[in-house]
C-alpha atoms as a PDB file:
ATOM      1  CA  MET A   1      44.524 116.451 163.436  1.00  0.00           C
ATOM      2  CA  THR A   2      41.804 117.024 160.784  1.00  0.00           C
ATOM      3  CA  GLY A   3      39.751 114.243 159.288  1.00  0.00           C
ATOM      4  CA  TYR A   4      41.728 114.836 155.659  1.00  0.00           C
ATOM      5  CA  ALA A   5      42.488 111.140 154.386  1.00  0.00           C
ATOM      6  CA  LYS A   6      43.760 111.594 151.132  1.00  0.00           C
ATOM      7  CA  PRO A   7      47.080 109.981 150.696  1.00  0.00           C
ATOM      8  CA  TRP A   8      50.258 111.133 149.223  1.00  0.00           C
ATOM      9  CA  THR A   9      50.168 110.490 145.181  1.00  0.00           C
ATOM     10  CA  SER A  10      53.233 109.818 142.865  1.00  0.00           C
ATOM     11  CA  TYR A  11      53.342 111.877 139.714  1.00  0.00           C
ATOM     12  CA  ALA A  12      52.745 108.791 137.949  1.00  0.00           C
ATOM     13  CA  ASP A  13      49.693 107.957 139.755  1.00  0.00           C
ATOM     14  CA  GLN A  14      48.603 111.429 139.345  1.00  0.00           C
ATOM     15  CA  LEU A  15      48.932 111.148 135.625  1.00  0.00           C
ATOM     16  CA  ARG A  16      47.122 107.647 135.660  1.00  0.00           C
ATOM     17  CA  ILE A  17      44.178 109.097 137.660  1.00  0.00           C
ATOM     18  CA  LEU A  18      43.865 112.067 134.999  1.00  0.00           C
ATOM     19  CA  GLN A  19      43.976 109.269 132.111  1.00  0.00           C
ATOM     20  CA  GLN A  20      41.400 107.099 134.125  1.00  0.00           C
ATOM     21  CA  ARG A  21      39.239 110.224 134.086  1.00  0.00           C
ATOM     22  CA  GLY A  22      39.163 110.815 130.266  1.00  0.00           C
ATOM     23  CA  MET A  23      42.107 112.973 129.635  1.00  0.00           C
ATOM     24  CA  GLN A  24      44.160 112.141 126.568  1.00  0.00           C
ATOM     25  CA  VAL A  25      47.895 112.140 127.113  1.00  0.00           C
ATOM     26  CA  SER A  26      50.036 111.874 123.956  1.00  0.00           C
ATOM     27  CA  ASP A  27      53.417 112.252 125.686  1.00  0.00           C
ATOM     28  CA  ALA A  28      53.423 110.854 129.067  1.00  0.00           C
ATOM     29  CA  ALA A  29      57.014 111.823 129.756  1.00  0.00           C
ATOM     30  CA  LYS A  30      56.316 115.596 129.045  1.00  0.00           C
ATOM     31  CA  ALA A  31      53.166 115.033 131.323  1.00  0.00           C
ATOM     32  CA  LEU A  32      55.005 113.890 134.135  1.00  0.00           C
ATOM     33  CA  GLU A  33      57.586 116.594 133.859  1.00  0.00           C
ATOM     34  CA  TYR A  34      54.901 119.316 134.006  1.00  0.00           C
ATOM     35  CA  LEU A  35      53.340 117.404 137.145  1.00  0.00           C
ATOM     36  CA  GLY A  36      56.654 117.588 138.636  1.00  0.00           C
ATOM     37  CA  ARG A  37      57.644 121.435 137.810  1.00  0.00           C
ATOM     38  CA  ILE A  38      53.889 122.700 138.291  1.00  0.00           C
ATOM     39  CA  GLY A  39      52.166 120.774 140.389  1.00  0.00           C
ATOM     40  CA  TYR A  40      48.832 118.754 139.975  1.00  0.00           C
ATOM     41  CA  TYR A  41      46.832 121.429 142.021  1.00  0.00           C
ATOM     42  CA  ARG A  42      47.994 124.460 140.310  1.00  0.00           C
ATOM     43  CA  LEU A  43      47.204 122.847 137.034  1.00  0.00           C
ATOM     44  CA  SER A  44      43.833 121.648 138.171  1.00  0.00           C
ATOM     45  CA  GLY A  45      42.705 125.314 138.050  1.00  0.00           C
ATOM     46  CA  TYR A  46      43.173 125.135 134.282  1.00  0.00           C
ATOM     47  CA  TRP A  47      41.456 121.954 133.620  1.00  0.00           C
ATOM     48  CA  HIS A  48      38.528 122.637 135.894  1.00  0.00           C
ATOM     49  CA  ASP A  49      36.210 124.019 133.156  1.00  0.00           C
ATOM     50  CA  MET A  50      37.373 120.805 130.941  1.00  0.00           C
ATOM     51  CA  ARG A  51      35.333 118.379 133.351  1.00  0.00           C
ATOM     52  CA  GLN A  52      31.729 117.206 132.676  1.00  0.00           C
ATOM     53  CA  TRP A  53      28.975 118.235 134.855  1.00  0.00           C
ATOM     54  CA  GLN A  54      25.404 117.526 135.643  1.00  0.00           C
ATOM     55  CA  CYS A  55      22.378 119.037 137.470  1.00  0.00           C
ATOM     56  CA  ASP A  56      21.517 117.555 140.950  1.00  0.00           C
ATOM     57  CA  ALA A  57      17.801 116.955 142.047  1.00  0.00           C
ATOM     58  CA  ASN A  58      17.491 120.725 142.817  1.00  0.00           C
ATOM     59  CA  GLY A  59      18.677 121.792 139.469  1.00  0.00           C
ATOM     60  CA  GLN A  60      22.316 122.745 140.877  1.00  0.00           C
ATOM     61  CA  ARG A  61      24.961 122.284 138.219  1.00  0.00           C
ATOM     62  CA  VAL A  62      27.672 119.627 139.856  1.00  0.00           C
ATOM     63  CA  VAL A  63      31.120 119.062 138.295  1.00  0.00           C
ATOM     64  CA  LEU A  64      31.938 115.583 137.825  1.00  0.00           C
ATOM     65  CA  ASP A  65      35.515 114.019 138.006  1.00  0.00           C
ATOM     66  CA  GLN A  66      35.313 112.796 134.435  1.00  0.00           C
ATOM     67  CA  PHE A  67      36.737 115.153 131.398  1.00  0.00           C
ATOM     68  CA  LYS A  68      34.712 116.168 128.671  1.00  0.00           C
ATOM     69  CA  PRO A  69      35.701 114.075 125.431  1.00  0.00           C
ATOM     70  CA  GLY A  70      38.527 115.535 123.578  1.00  0.00           C
ATOM     71  CA  THR A  71      40.331 117.042 126.651  1.00  0.00           C
ATOM     72  CA  GLN A  72      44.264 116.643 126.129  1.00  0.00           C
ATOM     73  CA  PHE A  73      47.015 117.431 128.364  1.00  0.00           C
ATOM     74  CA  GLN A  74      48.788 119.359 126.039  1.00  0.00           C
ATOM     75  CA  ASP A  75      45.843 121.899 125.981  1.00  0.00           C
ATOM     76  CA  VAL A  76      45.839 122.306 129.817  1.00  0.00           C
ATOM     77  CA  VAL A  77      49.635 123.156 129.298  1.00  0.00           C
ATOM     78  CA  ALA A  78      49.093 125.854 126.888  1.00  0.00           C
ATOM     79  CA  LEU A  79      46.347 127.372 129.100  1.00  0.00           C
ATOM     80  CA  PHE A  80      49.271 127.628 131.589  1.00  0.00           C
ATOM     81  CA  ASP A  81      51.445 130.020 129.356  1.00  0.00           C
ATOM     82  CA  LYS A  82      52.489 132.627 131.479  1.00  0.00           C
ATOM     83  CA  ARG A  83      52.747 135.274 128.956  1.00  0.00           C
ATOM     84  CA  LEU A  84      49.435 136.918 129.854  1.00  0.00           C
ATOM     85  CA  ARG A  85      50.789 137.304 133.524  1.00  0.00           C
ATOM     86  CA  LEU A  86      54.031 138.654 132.100  1.00  0.00           C
ATOM     87  CA  LEU A  87      52.159 141.441 130.047  1.00  0.00           C
ATOM     88  CA  VAL A  88      50.069 142.248 132.737  1.00  0.00           C
ATOM     89  CA  LEU A  89      52.903 142.685 135.061  1.00  0.00           C
ATOM     90  CA  ASP A  90      54.765 144.777 132.502  1.00  0.00           C
ATOM     91  CA  ALA A  91      51.668 147.161 132.184  1.00  0.00           C
ATOM     92  CA  LEU A  92      51.161 147.284 136.083  1.00  0.00           C
ATOM     93  CA  GLU A  93      54.966 148.308 136.358  1.00  0.00           C
ATOM     94  CA  ARG A  94      54.716 151.244 134.519  1.00  0.00           C
ATOM     95  CA  ILE A  95      51.223 152.264 136.173  1.00  0.00           C
ATOM     96  CA  GLU A  96      52.779 151.810 139.513  1.00  0.00           C
ATOM     97  CA  ILE A  97      55.711 154.119 138.795  1.00  0.00           C
ATOM     98  CA  ALA A  98      53.813 156.760 137.289  1.00  0.00           C
ATOM     99  CA  LEU A  99      51.323 156.997 140.207  1.00  0.00           C
ATOM    100  CA  ARG A 100      54.068 156.827 142.580  1.00  0.00           C
ATOM    101  CA  VAL A 101      55.686 159.737 140.997  1.00  0.00           C
ATOM    102  CA  ASP A 102      52.168 161.628 141.093  1.00  0.00           C
ATOM    103  CA  LEU A 103      51.489 160.943 144.842  1.00  0.00           C
ATOM    104  CA  SER A 104      54.864 161.831 145.981  1.00  0.00           C
ATOM    105  CA  TYR A 105      55.067 165.182 143.923  1.00  0.00           C
ATOM    106  CA  ARG A 106      51.574 166.125 145.326  1.00  0.00           C
ATOM    107  CA  LEU A 107      52.233 165.331 148.661  1.00  0.00           C
ATOM    108  CA  GLY A 108      55.597 166.705 148.439  1.00  0.00           C
ATOM    109  CA  GLN A 109      54.266 170.331 147.847  1.00  0.00           C
ATOM    110  CA  LYS A 110      52.995 170.067 151.398  1.00  0.00           C
ATOM    111  CA  GLY A 111      56.475 169.300 152.658  1.00  0.00           C
ATOM    112  CA  PRO A 112      59.048 166.421 152.701  1.00  0.00           C
ATOM    113  CA  PHE A 113      57.376 164.592 155.466  1.00  0.00           C
ATOM    114  CA  ALA A 114      53.802 165.287 154.462  1.00  0.00           C
ATOM    115  CA  TYR A 115      52.942 161.643 154.478  1.00  0.00           C
ATOM    116  CA  LEU A 116      53.831 161.632 158.387  1.00  0.00           C
ATOM    117  CA  ASP A 117      50.981 163.822 159.269  1.00  0.00           C
ATOM    118  CA  PRO A 118      47.562 162.224 159.343  1.00  0.00           C
ATOM    119  CA  ALA A 119      45.854 165.791 158.521  1.00  0.00           C
ATOM    120  CA  ASN A 120      46.997 165.320 154.820  1.00  0.00           C
ATOM    121  CA  PHE A 121      44.767 162.358 154.382  1.00  0.00           C
ATOM    122  CA  ASN A 122      40.865 161.983 154.292  1.00  0.00           C
ATOM    123  CA  ALA A 123      38.586 161.174 157.211  1.00  0.00           C
ATOM    124  CA  VAL A 124      38.073 157.600 156.542  1.00  0.00           C
ATOM    125  CA  PHE A 125      41.498 156.737 156.035  1.00  0.00           C
ATOM    126  CA  THR A 126      42.570 158.181 159.421  1.00  0.00           C
ATOM    127  CA  GLN A 127      39.355 156.814 161.299  1.00  0.00           C
ATOM    128  CA  LYS A 128      39.932 153.992 163.796  1.00  0.00           C
ATOM    129  CA  LYS A 129      38.571 150.482 162.617  1.00  0.00           C
ATOM    130  CA  LYS A 130      36.400 148.689 165.297  1.00  0.00           C
ATOM    131  CA  ARG A 131      37.939 145.439 164.712  1.00  0.00           C
ATOM    132  CA  SER A 132      41.470 146.206 164.868  1.00  0.00           C
ATOM    133  CA  GLY A 133      41.328 149.637 166.659  1.00  0.00           C
ATOM    134  CA  LEU A 134      43.807 150.743 163.931  1.00  0.00           C
ATOM    135  CA  THR A 135      43.474 153.378 161.365  1.00  0.00           C
ATOM    136  CA  ALA A 136      43.963 152.440 157.623  1.00  0.00           C
ATOM    137  CA  TYR A 137      46.766 155.283 157.722  1.00  0.00           C
ATOM    138  CA  ALA A 138      48.447 153.667 160.751  1.00  0.00           C
ATOM    139  CA  GLU A 139      48.423 150.116 159.005  1.00  0.00           C
ATOM    140  CA  TRP A 140      49.783 152.128 155.995  1.00  0.00           C
ATOM    141  CA  LEU A 141      52.681 153.403 158.022  1.00  0.00           C
ATOM    142  CA  GLN A 142      53.578 150.044 159.309  1.00  0.00           C
ATOM    143  CA  LYS A 143      53.679 148.810 155.988  1.00  0.00           C
ATOM    144  CA  HIS A 144      55.755 151.810 154.733  1.00  0.00           C
ATOM    145  CA  ASP A 145      58.187 151.561 157.632  1.00  0.00           C
ATOM    146  CA  SER A 146      58.674 147.618 156.929  1.00  0.00           C
ATOM    147  CA  LEU A 147      59.581 148.579 153.215  1.00  0.00           C
ATOM    148  CA  ILE A 148      61.989 151.048 154.280  1.00  0.00           C
ATOM    149  CA  GLN A 149      63.728 148.789 156.740  1.00  0.00           C
ATOM    150  CA  ARG A 150      64.083 145.823 154.493  1.00  0.00           C
ATOM    151  CA  SER A 151      65.172 147.600 151.534  1.00  0.00           C
ATOM    152  CA  SER A 152      68.651 147.248 150.262  1.00  0.00           C
ATOM    153  CA  GLU A 153      68.585 149.933 147.631  1.00  0.00           C
ATOM    154  CA  LYS A 154      71.825 151.855 147.666  1.00  0.00           C
ATOM    155  CA  PHE A 155      70.123 155.368 147.240  1.00  0.00           C
ATOM    156  CA  ILE A 156      67.946 154.383 150.610  1.00  0.00           C
ATOM    157  CA  GLN A 157      70.899 153.347 152.366  1.00  0.00           C
ATOM    158  CA  HIS A 158      72.630 156.652 151.397  1.00  0.00           C
ATOM    159  CA  ASN A 159      69.806 158.717 152.383  1.00  0.00           C
ATOM    160  CA  ARG A 160      69.360 156.850 155.674  1.00  0.00           C
ATOM    161  CA  ASN A 161      73.195 157.199 156.428  1.00  0.00           C
ATOM    162  CA  LYS A 162      73.447 160.909 155.491  1.00  0.00           C
ATOM    163  CA  TYR A 163      70.282 162.408 156.807  1.00  0.00           C
ATOM    164  CA  GLY A 164      68.581 159.676 158.885  1.00  0.00           C
ATOM    165  CA  LEU A 165      65.096 158.754 159.171  1.00  0.00           C
ATOM    166  CA  PRO A 166      62.391 159.604 158.310  1.00  0.00           C
ATOM    167  CA  LEU A 167      63.102 159.854 154.529  1.00  0.00           C
ATOM    168  CA  ALA A 168      61.608 162.545 152.162  1.00  0.00           C
ATOM    169  CA  ILE A 169      58.622 161.290 150.396  1.00  0.00           C
ATOM    170  CA  TRP A 170      60.171 161.768 146.800  1.00  0.00           C
ATOM    171  CA  VAL A 171      63.071 159.377 148.156  1.00  0.00           C
ATOM    172  CA  ALA A 172      60.713 157.106 150.452  1.00  0.00           C
ATOM    173  CA  CYS A 173      58.220 156.363 147.507  1.00  0.00           C
ATOM    174  CA  GLU A 174      60.521 154.423 145.498  1.00  0.00           C
ATOM    175  CA  VAL A 175      60.430 151.319 147.957  1.00  0.00           C
ATOM    176  CA  TRP A 176      56.563 151.324 147.745  1.00  0.00           C
ATOM    177  CA  ASP A 177      55.134 148.301 145.983  1.00  0.00           C
ATOM    178  CA  PHE A 178      51.764 148.494 144.227  1.00  0.00           C
ATOM    179  CA  GLY A 179      49.525 147.603 147.202  1.00  0.00           C
ATOM    180  CA  CYS A 180      51.206 150.272 149.361  1.00  0.00           C
ATOM    181  CA  MET A 181      50.749 153.052 146.597  1.00  0.00           C
ATOM    182  CA  SER A 182      47.154 151.989 145.943  1.00  0.00           C
ATOM    183  CA  VAL A 183      46.290 151.971 149.641  1.00  0.00           C
ATOM    184  CA  LEU A 184      48.023 155.481 150.028  1.00  0.00           C
ATOM    185  CA  PHE A 185      46.101 156.813 146.948  1.00  0.00           C
ATOM    186  CA  SER A 186      42.753 155.862 148.656  1.00  0.00           C
ATOM    187  CA  GLY A 187      43.835 158.000 151.573  1.00  0.00           C
ATOM    188  CA  VAL A 188      44.494 161.244 149.935  1.00  0.00           C
ATOM    189  CA  PRO A 189      41.550 163.845 150.003  1.00  0.00           C
ATOM    190  CA  GLU A 190      39.200 163.443 147.339  1.00  0.00           C
ATOM    191  CA  PRO A 191      40.020 166.685 145.443  1.00  0.00           C
ATOM    192  CA  GLU A 192      43.616 165.169 144.924  1.00  0.00           C
ATOM    193  CA  GLN A 193      42.043 161.920 144.049  1.00  0.00           C
ATOM    194  CA  ASN A 194      39.967 163.866 141.355  1.00  0.00           C
ATOM    195  CA  ASP A 195      42.884 165.738 140.170  1.00  0.00           C
ATOM    196  CA  ILE A 196      44.882 162.740 139.560  1.00  0.00           C
ATOM    197  CA  ALA A 197      42.296 160.784 137.911  1.00  0.00           C
ATOM    198  CA  LYS A 198      41.722 163.698 135.584  1.00  0.00           C
ATOM    199  CA  SER A 199      45.433 163.525 134.480  1.00  0.00           C
ATOM    200  CA  TYR A 200      44.877 160.037 133.555  1.00  0.00           C
ATOM    201  CA  GLY A 201      41.941 160.857 131.176  1.00  0.00           C
ATOM    202  CA  LEU A 202      39.020 160.348 133.365  1.00  0.00           C
ATOM    203  CA  PRO A 203      36.269 163.067 134.092  1.00  0.00           C
ATOM    204  CA  ALA A 204      37.208 165.430 136.923  1.00  0.00           C
ATOM    205  CA  ASP A 205      34.934 163.889 139.498  1.00  0.00           C
ATOM    206  CA  SER A 206      36.381 160.405 138.981  1.00  0.00           C
ATOM    207  CA  GLY A 207      38.680 160.076 142.113  1.00  0.00           C
ATOM    208  CA  SER A 208      36.664 157.173 143.564  1.00  0.00           C
ATOM    209  CA  VAL A 209      36.878 155.430 140.027  1.00  0.00           C
ATOM    210  CA  MET A 210      40.705 155.779 140.220  1.00  0.00           C
ATOM    211  CA  VAL A 211      40.608 154.242 143.823  1.00  0.00           C
ATOM    212  CA  SER A 212      38.594 151.004 142.675  1.00  0.00           C
ATOM    213  CA  TRP A 213      40.765 150.586 139.545  1.00  0.00           C
ATOM    214  CA  LEU A 214      44.133 150.543 141.746  1.00  0.00           C
ATOM    215  CA  CYS A 215      42.339 148.159 144.034  1.00  0.00           C
ATOM    216  CA  SER A 216      41.351 145.744 141.320  1.00  0.00           C
ATOM    217  CA  LEU A 217      44.617 146.138 139.645  1.00  0.00           C
ATOM    218  CA  ASN A 218      46.593 145.327 142.947  1.00  0.00           C
ATOM    219  CA  TYR A 219      44.403 142.089 143.202  1.00  0.00           C
ATOM    220  CA  VAL A 220      45.532 141.038 139.504  1.00  0.00           C
ATOM    221  CA  ARG A 221      49.034 142.067 140.372  1.00  0.00           C
ATOM    222  CA  ASN A 222      48.805 139.596 143.418  1.00  0.00           C
ATOM    223  CA  VAL A 223      47.659 136.871 141.317  1.00  0.00           C
ATOM    224  CA  CYS A 224      50.106 137.339 138.812  1.00  0.00           C
ATOM    225  CA  ALA A 225      52.886 137.633 141.243  1.00  0.00           C
ATOM    226  CA  HIS A 226      51.839 134.287 142.966  1.00  0.00           C
ATOM    227  CA  HIS A 227      51.918 132.620 139.437  1.00  0.00           C
ATOM    228  CA  SER A 228      48.145 131.720 139.753  1.00  0.00           C
ATOM    229  CA  ARG A 229      45.712 131.265 137.108  1.00  0.00           C
ATOM    230  CA  LEU A 230      44.720 134.599 135.723  1.00  0.00           C
ATOM    231  CA  TRP A 231      42.700 134.226 132.276  1.00  0.00           C
ATOM    232  CA  ASN A 232      39.477 133.289 133.191  1.00  0.00           C
ATOM    233  CA  ARG A 233      39.667 134.046 137.054  1.00  0.00           C
ATOM    234  CA  ASN A 234      36.924 135.547 138.752  1.00  0.00           C
ATOM    235  CA  VAL A 235      38.255 139.319 139.995  1.00  0.00           C
ATOM    236  CA  VAL A 236      37.185 139.524 143.627  1.00  0.00           C
ATOM    237  CA  ASP A 237      37.769 143.339 143.806  1.00  0.00           C
ATOM    238  CA  GLN A 238      35.810 144.534 140.692  1.00  0.00           C
ATOM    239  CA  PRO A 239      36.595 148.003 139.322  1.00  0.00           C
ATOM    240  CA  LYS A 240      33.891 150.772 139.142  1.00  0.00           C
ATOM    241  CA  LEU A 241      33.205 152.057 135.659  1.00  0.00           C
ATOM    242  CA  PRO A 242      33.581 155.804 134.628  1.00  0.00           C
ATOM    243  CA  LYS A 243      30.383 157.709 133.607  1.00  0.00           C
ATOM    244  CA  LYS A 244      29.466 156.526 129.989  1.00  0.00           C
ATOM    245  CA  GLY A 245      31.270 158.224 127.218  1.00  0.00           C
ATOM    246  CA  ALA A 246      34.224 159.030 129.566  1.00  0.00           C
ATOM    247  CA  VAL A 247      36.344 156.069 128.260  1.00  0.00           C
ATOM    248  CA  GLN A 248      34.833 154.642 125.158  1.00  0.00           C
ATOM    249  CA  ALA A 249      36.382 151.101 125.256  1.00  0.00           C
ATOM    250  CA  LEU A 250      34.862 150.762 128.558  1.00  0.00           C
ATOM    251  CA  ASP A 251      31.190 151.628 127.581  1.00  0.00           C
ATOM    252  CA  VAL A 252      30.489 148.158 126.503  1.00  0.00           C
ATOM    253  CA  PHE A 253      30.935 146.991 130.011  1.00  0.00           C
ATOM    254  CA  HIS A 254      27.963 149.058 131.445  1.00  0.00           C
ATOM    255  CA  GLY A 255      25.028 147.093 132.791  1.00  0.00           C
ATOM    256  CA  LYS A 256      27.204 143.652 132.648  1.00  0.00           C
ATOM    257  CA  ALA A 257      28.574 142.901 135.936  1.00  0.00           C
ATOM    258  CA  TRP A 258      30.036 139.359 135.026  1.00  0.00           C
ATOM    259  CA  LEU A 259      32.053 141.141 132.245  1.00  0.00           C
ATOM    260  CA  VAL A 260      33.246 143.637 134.839  1.00  0.00           C
ATOM    261  CA  ALA A 261      34.385 140.521 137.357  1.00  0.00           C
ATOM    262  CA  ARG A 262      36.471 139.121 134.457  1.00  0.00           C
ATOM    263  CA  PRO A 263      40.261 139.949 133.623  1.00  0.00           C
ATOM    264  CA  PHE A 264      39.422 141.384 129.993  1.00  0.00           C
ATOM    265  CA  ALA A 265      37.817 144.584 131.441  1.00  0.00           C
ATOM    266  CA  LEU A 266      40.902 145.183 133.441  1.00  0.00           C
ATOM    267  CA  LEU A 267      43.089 144.791 129.970  1.00  0.00           C
ATOM    268  CA  CYS A 268      40.960 147.459 128.718  1.00  0.00           C
ATOM    269  CA  ILE A 269      41.606 149.427 131.710  1.00  0.00           C
ATOM    270  CA  CYS A 270      45.212 148.861 131.771  1.00  0.00           C
ATOM    271  CA  GLN A 271      45.384 149.973 128.290  1.00  0.00           C
ATOM    272  CA  HIS A 272      43.745 153.147 128.904  1.00  0.00           C
ATOM    273  CA  LEU A 273      46.344 154.060 131.756  1.00  0.00           C
ATOM    274  CA  MET A 274      48.969 152.911 129.514  1.00  0.00           C
ATOM    275  CA  GLN A 275      47.703 155.300 126.700  1.00  0.00           C
ATOM    276  CA  GLN A 276      48.142 158.149 129.106  1.00  0.00           C
ATOM    277  CA  ILE A 277      51.307 157.125 130.373  1.00  0.00           C
ATOM    278  CA  ASN A 278      53.089 156.311 127.150  1.00  0.00           C
ATOM    279  CA  PRO A 279      50.676 156.832 123.930  1.00  0.00           C
ATOM    280  CA  HIS A 280      53.402 154.944 121.901  1.00  0.00           C
ATOM    281  CA  SER A 281      53.531 151.980 124.131  1.00  0.00           C
ATOM    282  CA  SER A 282      53.080 148.493 121.704  1.00  0.00           C
ATOM    283  CA  TRP A 283      51.632 146.828 124.835  1.00  0.00           C
ATOM    284  CA  SER A 284      48.018 146.592 123.591  1.00  0.00           C
ATOM    285  CA  GLN A 285      49.465 145.088 120.342  1.00  0.00           C
ATOM    286  CA  ARG A 286      51.351 142.445 122.232  1.00  0.00           C
ATOM    287  CA  VAL A 287      48.091 141.511 124.162  1.00  0.00           C
ATOM    288  CA  ARG A 288      46.160 141.463 121.039  1.00  0.00           C
ATOM    289  CA  VAL A 289      48.882 138.949 119.628  1.00  0.00           C
ATOM    290  CA  LEU A 290      48.555 136.881 122.664  1.00  0.00           C
ATOM    291  CA  LEU A 291      44.989 136.795 122.823  1.00  0.00           C
ATOM    292  CA  GLU A 292      44.507 136.108 119.311  1.00  0.00           C
ATOM    293  CA  SER A 293      46.928 132.846 119.850  1.00  0.00           C
ATOM    294  CA  PHE A 294      44.356 131.601 122.232  1.00  0.00           C
ATOM    295  CA  PRO A 295      44.054 127.670 121.809  1.00  0.00           C
ATOM    296  CA  PRO A 296      41.291 126.262 119.708  1.00  0.00           C
ATOM    297  CA  LEU A 297      39.283 124.632 122.664  1.00  0.00           C
ATOM    298  CA  HIS A 298      36.111 124.898 121.721  1.00  0.00           C
ATOM    299  CA  HIS A 299      35.302 121.138 121.923  1.00  0.00           C
ATOM    300  CA  VAL A 300      35.581 121.434 125.551  1.00  0.00           C
ATOM    301  CA  GLY A 301      33.689 124.582 126.017  1.00  0.00           C
ATOM    302  CA  LEU A 302      36.713 126.976 126.373  1.00  0.00           C
ATOM    303  CA  THR A 303      36.873 130.282 124.330  1.00  0.00           C
ATOM    304  CA  LEU A 304      37.842 133.792 125.119  1.00  0.00           C
ATOM    305  CA  GLN A 305      34.461 134.154 126.697  1.00  0.00           C
ATOM    306  CA  GLY A 306      35.915 133.021 129.760  1.00  0.00           C
ATOM    307  CA  MET A 307      38.044 136.180 130.025  1.00  0.00           C
ATOM    308  CA  GLY A 308      34.940 138.255 129.984  1.00  0.00           C
ATOM    309  CA  MET A 309      33.963 138.690 126.461  1.00  0.00           C
ATOM    310  CA  GLU A 310      30.748 138.354 124.850  1.00  0.00           C
ATOM    311  CA  ALA A 311      30.279 135.593 122.147  1.00  0.00           C
ATOM    312  CA  GLN A 312      29.562 138.134 119.281  1.00  0.00           C
ATOM    313  CA  TRP A 313      32.734 140.017 120.227  1.00  0.00           C
ATOM    314  CA  LEU A 314      34.741 136.905 119.114  1.00  0.00           C
ATOM    315  CA  GLN A 315      33.344 136.704 115.830  1.00  0.00           C
ATOM    316  CA  ALA A 316      35.290 138.460 112.773  1.00  0.00           C
ATOM    317  CA  LEU A 317      33.307 140.844 111.019  1.00  0.00           C
ATOM    318  CA  ASP A 318      31.893 140.449 107.493  1.00  0.00           C
ATOM    319  CA  ASP A 319      34.080 142.885 105.458  1.00  0.00           C
ATOM    320  CA  GLY A 320      37.330 141.046 106.906  1.00  0.00           C
ATOM    321  CA  ARG A 321      38.116 143.382 109.607  1.00  0.00           C
ATOM    322  CA  PRO A 322      39.273 141.829 112.852  1.00  0.00           C
ATOM    323  CA  ALA A 323      36.749 140.683 115.805  1.00  0.00           C
ATOM    324  CA  TYR A 324      35.162 143.454 117.734  1.00  0.00           C
ATOM    325  CA  TRP A 325      37.222 142.957 120.843  1.00  0.00           C
ATOM    326  CA  THR A 326      40.393 143.757 119.053  1.00  0.00           C
ATOM    327  CA  SER A 327      39.073 147.475 118.803  1.00  0.00           C
ATOM    328  CA  LEU A 328      38.687 147.781 122.510  1.00  0.00           C
ATOM    329  CA  LEU A 329      42.434 147.360 123.435  1.00  0.00           C
ATOM    330  CA  ARG A 330      43.525 150.002 120.707  1.00  0.00           C
END
């Protein structure tokens, strides 16, 4: 048994605690509804930056329980709006499908079961890990087999019943999720990574950049799938940037590690990929409309800077043109 001593707390008591700490609640019934439907701890991720702080004796910033003046419960709920996650998932679905086709097409040229031959993958992918004793390729095969076994898709059942296992790669690829696809991409030989990256508007030697993009996007996909806070999250698996000039919208992130570690850079990466997949997509326009609707929370220190924008990007230009950040999502 751990030393955890916090007692169970009713929704009414949770709301009372928030009010005692300075949060303004104009509609208690609505606030209780959100606490009951969403949960205190999930919501707390959104109001963390609304809490006051002070420096300790060592000059380290310490976050306090008290909220900044003017913090309102409805502001917290506005930040919880799931439209950003839904938009990101929309883009990731299209990216996932396109890359699944690319991978299965190229591997399929080597044979319908080319994915079962470790000789078709790079040395790192087929090298045993010291800790597990397994290769990344073996772990991928386990995940792949699990997805096949769990699939209830009729075309999978049809192929299994008619031809048995294993399935041809152009059939099997349809059950890959984003993680399965991105791991396999990391395992194909570098020339093939480079070739696919080039088809998505990157320089010919950008296979490793594409690998990192897919890893980062898979992290974001998992955040969205678990309904977790996205807008100002620190991205653990950060993407590499292509060389300057390769993707104009990404040039502004060079030399600015903290911006690369935030979601806005990944929105720009999604937009670049979407432009290659479907140049006529309205996805970037929908994202701009959403970000422009970000609630006015300057009084508690929250702006789109938390997404990974610089302050000057948020300022409308003198000639009446939109703020600079909007140009990065075109």
